[in-house]
Amino acid sequence: MPFSPSPRARSGPRRRSLLAVAPAALALAGCTGGDSGRPAGDGQPAADRARARAARDSEALAERYDAVIAARPGLAGRLRPLREEVVRHARALGGGRKASPSASPSASVSSSASPSPSAVVPDNDKDTLAGLATAEKELADRRAKALGGVPGELARLLASVAAAGAVHVYLLTEGDA
């Protein structure tokens, strides 16, 4: 017995017409390969924004190290190598204009017109180191969370910098740097 089509008329679009229109609809919706990662109206790719944000975060952390070194010179020997690493991270991420390895701590601290809340240094070494460790940990955690939204090379760089931040946390809390 042959299959006979239904006497009622189909309502809605047919599969062929949907397949023909889908590519045009995707192009109009902005789902093309060339602009992936860009929100509508923004000329800068998401990876560039993530890299710039990570560089700014490293620069801010270097400034925090500068503030601590200026306020607690007894910790300078322990903190300078960590600060230099943070500056290298900022440069690797494309930053490094505000934080340079040769900048003196007093010049970096005095160059900012209004100190940030993170520049307040506790009265004792233990709390000072704990504050730096907390800042390093928060930054490393943020970078680890950002890995999924960036392309391969930047993801590897952020992962490396996040791992270095985790080591800094250890050195600030338990190690003898």
C-alpha atoms as a PDB file:
ATOM      1  CA  MET A   1       0.000   0.000   0.000  1.00  0.00           C
ATOM      2  CA  PRO A   2       1.612   3.302  -1.043  1.00  0.00           C
ATOM      3  CA  PHE A   3       1.972   6.123   1.392  1.00  0.00           C
ATOM      4  CA  SER A   4      -0.399   8.941   0.551  1.00  0.00           C
ATOM      5  CA  PRO A   5       0.250  12.498   1.673  1.00  0.00           C
ATOM      6  CA  SER A   6      -2.057  13.969   4.240  1.00  0.00           C
ATOM      7  CA  PRO A   7      -4.950  15.953   2.807  1.00  0.00           C
ATOM      8  CA  ARG A   8      -4.403  18.840   5.223  1.00  0.00           C
ATOM      9  CA  ALA A   9      -2.023  21.634   4.270  1.00  0.00           C
ATOM     10  CA  ARG A  10       1.121  22.094   6.332  1.00  0.00           C
ATOM     11  CA  SER A  11       1.393  25.232   8.372  1.00  0.00           C
ATOM     12  CA  GLY A  12       4.732  26.947   8.976  1.00  0.00           C
ATOM     13  CA  PRO A  13       8.001  26.850   7.077  1.00  0.00           C
ATOM     14  CA  ARG A  14       9.345  23.761   5.403  1.00  0.00           C
ATOM     15  CA  ARG A  15      12.702  22.228   6.253  1.00  0.00           C
ATOM     16  CA  ARG A  16      14.268  23.301   2.943  1.00  0.00           C
ATOM     17  CA  SER A  17      13.338  26.924   3.443  1.00  0.00           C
ATOM     18  CA  LEU A  18      14.794  26.863   6.965  1.00  0.00           C
ATOM     19  CA  LEU A  19      18.040  25.387   5.683  1.00  0.00           C
ATOM     20  CA  ALA A  20      18.256  28.061   3.009  1.00  0.00           C
ATOM     21  CA  VAL A  21      17.595  30.949   5.415  1.00  0.00           C
ATOM     22  CA  ALA A  22      19.696  29.740   8.403  1.00  0.00           C
ATOM     23  CA  PRO A  23      23.116  30.921   7.128  1.00  0.00           C
ATOM     24  CA  ALA A  24      21.776  34.399   6.407  1.00  0.00           C
ATOM     25  CA  ALA A  25      20.132  34.597   9.816  1.00  0.00           C
ATOM     26  CA  LEU A  26      23.354  33.541  11.531  1.00  0.00           C
ATOM     27  CA  ALA A  27      25.331  36.181   9.635  1.00  0.00           C
ATOM     28  CA  LEU A  28      22.847  38.872  10.606  1.00  0.00           C
ATOM     29  CA  ALA A  29      22.954  37.744  14.231  1.00  0.00           C
ATOM     30  CA  GLY A  30      26.730  38.151  14.292  1.00  0.00           C
ATOM     31  CA  CYS A  31      27.655  34.489  14.532  1.00  0.00           C
ATOM     32  CA  THR A  32      30.392  34.598  11.928  1.00  0.00           C
ATOM     33  CA  GLY A  33      33.870  33.248  12.586  1.00  0.00           C
ATOM     34  CA  GLY A  34      35.631  36.566  11.956  1.00  0.00           C
ATOM     35  CA  ASP A  35      34.090  38.469  14.849  1.00  0.00           C
ATOM     36  CA  SER A  36      33.876  35.786  17.501  1.00  0.00           C
ATOM     37  CA  GLY A  37      34.779  37.157  20.902  1.00  0.00           C
ATOM     38  CA  ARG A  38      33.586  40.686  20.176  1.00  0.00           C
ATOM     39  CA  PRO A  39      30.468  42.061  21.763  1.00  0.00           C
ATOM     40  CA  ALA A  40      28.313  44.176  19.491  1.00  0.00           C
ATOM     41  CA  GLY A  41      29.703  47.680  19.124  1.00  0.00           C
ATOM     42  CA  ASP A  42      33.110  46.962  20.635  1.00  0.00           C
ATOM     43  CA  GLY A  43      36.171  47.093  18.394  1.00  0.00           C
ATOM     44  CA  GLN A  44      38.514  45.254  20.757  1.00  0.00           C
ATOM     45  CA  PRO A  45      38.554  41.434  20.896  1.00  0.00           C
ATOM     46  CA  ALA A  46      37.796  39.731  24.195  1.00  0.00           C
ATOM     47  CA  ALA A  47      41.303  38.262  24.361  1.00  0.00           C
ATOM     48  CA  ASP A  48      42.858  41.722  24.113  1.00  0.00           C
ATOM     49  CA  ARG A  49      40.603  42.983  26.892  1.00  0.00           C
ATOM     50  CA  ALA A  50      41.500  39.997  29.080  1.00  0.00           C
ATOM     51  CA  ARG A  51      45.216  40.542  28.429  1.00  0.00           C
ATOM     52  CA  ALA A  52      44.964  44.266  29.238  1.00  0.00           C
ATOM     53  CA  ARG A  53      42.992  43.559  32.426  1.00  0.00           C
ATOM     54  CA  ALA A  54      45.569  40.976  33.532  1.00  0.00           C
ATOM     55  CA  ALA A  55      48.407  43.449  32.847  1.00  0.00           C
ATOM     56  CA  ARG A  56      46.634  46.156  34.873  1.00  0.00           C
ATOM     57  CA  ASP A  57      46.081  43.691  37.718  1.00  0.00           C
ATOM     58  CA  SER A  58      49.795  42.843  37.757  1.00  0.00           C
ATOM     59  CA  GLU A  59      50.721  46.531  37.696  1.00  0.00           C
ATOM     60  CA  ALA A  60      48.386  47.205  40.636  1.00  0.00           C
ATOM     61  CA  LEU A  61      49.916  44.289  42.531  1.00  0.00           C
ATOM     62  CA  ALA A  62      53.411  45.647  41.860  1.00  0.00           C
ATOM     63  CA  GLU A  63      52.286  49.001  43.257  1.00  0.00           C
ATOM     64  CA  ARG A  64      51.024  47.214  46.349  1.00  0.00           C
ATOM     65  CA  TYR A  65      54.415  45.547  46.760  1.00  0.00           C
ATOM     66  CA  ASP A  66      56.021  48.994  46.391  1.00  0.00           C
ATOM     67  CA  ALA A  67      53.810  50.397  49.149  1.00  0.00           C
ATOM     68  CA  VAL A  68      54.677  47.517  51.479  1.00  0.00           C
ATOM     69  CA  ILE A  69      58.404  47.762  50.754  1.00  0.00           C
ATOM     70  CA  ALA A  70      58.326  51.520  51.394  1.00  0.00           C
ATOM     71  CA  ALA A  71      56.378  51.156  54.650  1.00  0.00           C
ATOM     72  CA  ARG A  72      58.178  48.062  55.946  1.00  0.00           C
ATOM     73  CA  PRO A  73      61.818  48.179  54.747  1.00  0.00           C
ATOM     74  CA  GLY A  74      62.665  45.154  56.873  1.00  0.00           C
ATOM     75  CA  LEU A  75      60.647  43.006  54.443  1.00  0.00           C
ATOM     76  CA  ALA A  76      62.278  44.452  51.321  1.00  0.00           C
ATOM     77  CA  GLY A  77      64.782  41.621  50.905  1.00  0.00           C
ATOM     78  CA  ARG A  78      62.018  39.047  51.035  1.00  0.00           C
ATOM     79  CA  LEU A  79      59.559  40.935  48.834  1.00  0.00           C
ATOM     80  CA  ARG A  80      61.739  42.437  46.093  1.00  0.00           C
ATOM     81  CA  PRO A  81      62.174  39.156  44.143  1.00  0.00           C
ATOM     82  CA  LEU A  82      58.410  38.569  44.230  1.00  0.00           C
ATOM     83  CA  ARG A  83      57.726  42.132  43.121  1.00  0.00           C
ATOM     84  CA  GLU A  84      60.181  41.755  40.229  1.00  0.00           C
ATOM     85  CA  GLU A  85      58.315  38.637  39.110  1.00  0.00           C
ATOM     86  CA  VAL A  86      55.012  40.528  39.216  1.00  0.00           C
ATOM     87  CA  VAL A  87      56.548  43.270  37.057  1.00  0.00           C
ATOM     88  CA  ARG A  88      57.746  40.637  34.562  1.00  0.00           C
ATOM     89  CA  HIS A  89      54.215  39.234  34.475  1.00  0.00           C
ATOM     90  CA  ALA A  90      52.833  42.691  33.690  1.00  0.00           C
ATOM     91  CA  ARG A  91      55.331  43.100  30.854  1.00  0.00           C
ATOM     92  CA  ALA A  92      54.613  39.630  29.465  1.00  0.00           C
ATOM     93  CA  LEU A  93      50.935  40.549  29.409  1.00  0.00           C
ATOM     94  CA  GLY A  94      51.645  43.750  27.519  1.00  0.00           C
ATOM     95  CA  GLY A  95      51.728  46.185  30.423  1.00  0.00           C
ATOM     96  CA  GLY A  96      54.596  47.443  32.484  1.00  0.00           C
ATOM     97  CA  ARG A  97      54.352  51.153  31.857  1.00  0.00           C
ATOM     98  CA  LYS A  98      53.590  52.025  35.483  1.00  0.00           C
ATOM     99  CA  ALA A  99      55.624  49.310  37.158  1.00  0.00           C
ATOM    100  CA  SER A 100      59.235  48.869  36.224  1.00  0.00           C
ATOM    101  CA  PRO A 101      61.858  46.742  37.970  1.00  0.00           C
ATOM    102  CA  SER A 102      64.200  49.698  38.345  1.00  0.00           C
ATOM    103  CA  ALA A 103      61.619  52.020  39.886  1.00  0.00           C
ATOM    104  CA  SER A 104      62.351  52.873  43.464  1.00  0.00           C
ATOM    105  CA  PRO A 105      59.567  52.024  45.901  1.00  0.00           C
ATOM    106  CA  SER A 106      59.358  55.577  47.222  1.00  0.00           C
ATOM    107  CA  ALA A 107      59.057  57.018  43.709  1.00  0.00           C
ATOM    108  CA  SER A 108      56.303  54.589  42.785  1.00  0.00           C
ATOM    109  CA  VAL A 109      54.345  55.268  45.954  1.00  0.00           C
ATOM    110  CA  SER A 110      54.735  59.039  45.818  1.00  0.00           C
ATOM    111  CA  SER A 111      53.820  59.188  42.124  1.00  0.00           C
ATOM    112  CA  SER A 112      50.215  58.216  42.822  1.00  0.00           C
ATOM    113  CA  ALA A 113      48.134  61.207  43.822  1.00  0.00           C
ATOM    114  CA  SER A 114      45.701  59.280  45.986  1.00  0.00           C
ATOM    115  CA  PRO A 115      46.718  55.963  47.501  1.00  0.00           C
ATOM    116  CA  SER A 116      44.434  53.064  46.791  1.00  0.00           C
ATOM    117  CA  PRO A 117      42.772  51.231  49.680  1.00  0.00           C
ATOM    118  CA  SER A 118      45.060  48.275  49.000  1.00  0.00           C
ATOM    119  CA  ALA A 119      48.089  50.536  49.668  1.00  0.00           C
ATOM    120  CA  VAL A 120      47.316  50.656  53.390  1.00  0.00           C
ATOM    121  CA  VAL A 121      50.018  48.629  55.105  1.00  0.00           C
ATOM    122  CA  PRO A 122      49.310  46.874  58.439  1.00  0.00           C
ATOM    123  CA  ASP A 123      51.423  47.589  61.504  1.00  0.00           C
ATOM    124  CA  ASN A 124      53.097  44.172  61.749  1.00  0.00           C
ATOM    125  CA  ASP A 125      54.959  41.913  59.361  1.00  0.00           C
ATOM    126  CA  LYS A 126      52.617  38.939  59.741  1.00  0.00           C
ATOM    127  CA  ASP A 127      49.504  40.896  58.761  1.00  0.00           C
ATOM    128  CA  THR A 128      51.398  42.664  55.984  1.00  0.00           C
ATOM    129  CA  LEU A 129      52.507  39.369  54.447  1.00  0.00           C
ATOM    130  CA  ALA A 130      49.025  37.894  54.892  1.00  0.00           C
ATOM    131  CA  GLY A 131      47.524  40.861  53.031  1.00  0.00           C
ATOM    132  CA  LEU A 132      49.932  40.427  50.129  1.00  0.00           C
ATOM    133  CA  ALA A 133      49.253  36.678  50.091  1.00  0.00           C
ATOM    134  CA  THR A 134      45.509  37.332  49.954  1.00  0.00           C
ATOM    135  CA  ALA A 135      45.952  39.744  47.042  1.00  0.00           C
ATOM    136  CA  GLU A 136      48.137  37.230  45.186  1.00  0.00           C
ATOM    137  CA  LYS A 137      45.637  34.410  45.801  1.00  0.00           C
ATOM    138  CA  GLU A 138      42.632  36.432  44.648  1.00  0.00           C
ATOM    139  CA  LEU A 139      44.467  37.453  41.499  1.00  0.00           C
ATOM    140  CA  ALA A 140      45.633  33.891  40.774  1.00  0.00           C
ATOM    141  CA  ASP A 141      42.072  32.618  41.254  1.00  0.00           C
ATOM    142  CA  ARG A 142      40.644  35.260  38.890  1.00  0.00           C
ATOM    143  CA  ARG A 143      43.221  34.358  36.263  1.00  0.00           C
ATOM    144  CA  ALA A 144      42.492  30.653  36.591  1.00  0.00           C
ATOM    145  CA  LYS A 145      38.774  31.339  36.080  1.00  0.00           C
ATOM    146  CA  ALA A 146      39.509  33.427  32.978  1.00  0.00           C
ATOM    147  CA  LEU A 147      41.349  30.586  31.224  1.00  0.00           C
ATOM    148  CA  GLY A 148      38.265  29.175  29.533  1.00  0.00           C
ATOM    149  CA  GLY A 149      37.379  32.418  27.803  1.00  0.00           C
ATOM    150  CA  VAL A 150      40.675  33.167  26.086  1.00  0.00           C
ATOM    151  CA  PRO A 151      42.569  31.590  23.167  1.00  0.00           C
ATOM    152  CA  GLY A 152      45.350  29.042  23.630  1.00  0.00           C
ATOM    153  CA  GLU A 153      48.504  31.153  23.863  1.00  0.00           C
ATOM    154  CA  LEU A 154      46.948  33.684  26.247  1.00  0.00           C
ATOM    155  CA  ALA A 155      45.442  30.834  28.280  1.00  0.00           C
ATOM    156  CA  ARG A 156      48.891  29.274  28.657  1.00  0.00           C
ATOM    157  CA  LEU A 157      50.353  32.624  29.727  1.00  0.00           C
ATOM    158  CA  LEU A 158      47.559  33.271  32.235  1.00  0.00           C
ATOM    159  CA  ALA A 159      47.910  29.740  33.600  1.00  0.00           C
ATOM    160  CA  SER A 160      51.641  30.238  34.049  1.00  0.00           C
ATOM    161  CA  VAL A 161      51.167  33.599  35.765  1.00  0.00           C
ATOM    162  CA  ALA A 162      48.408  32.161  37.971  1.00  0.00           C
ATOM    163  CA  ALA A 163      50.707  29.298  38.982  1.00  0.00           C
ATOM    164  CA  ALA A 164      53.460  31.786  39.816  1.00  0.00           C
ATOM    165  CA  GLY A 165      50.959  33.702  41.934  1.00  0.00           C
ATOM    166  CA  ALA A 166      50.138  30.506  43.823  1.00  0.00           C
ATOM    167  CA  VAL A 167      53.842  30.031  44.504  1.00  0.00           C
ATOM    168  CA  HIS A 168      54.028  33.620  45.758  1.00  0.00           C
ATOM    169  CA  VAL A 169      51.178  32.846  48.163  1.00  0.00           C
ATOM    170  CA  TYR A 170      53.170  29.915  49.527  1.00  0.00           C
ATOM    171  CA  LEU A 171      56.346  31.977  49.842  1.00  0.00           C
ATOM    172  CA  LEU A 172      54.494  34.787  51.601  1.00  0.00           C
ATOM    173  CA  THR A 173      52.692  32.551  54.067  1.00  0.00           C
ATOM    174  CA  GLU A 174      54.907  29.559  54.725  1.00  0.00           C
ATOM    175  CA  GLY A 175      58.138  29.783  52.793  1.00  0.00           C
ATOM    176  CA  ASP A 176      61.291  31.675  53.595  1.00  0.00           C
ATOM    177  CA  ALA A 177      61.765  33.669  50.408  1.00  0.00           C
END
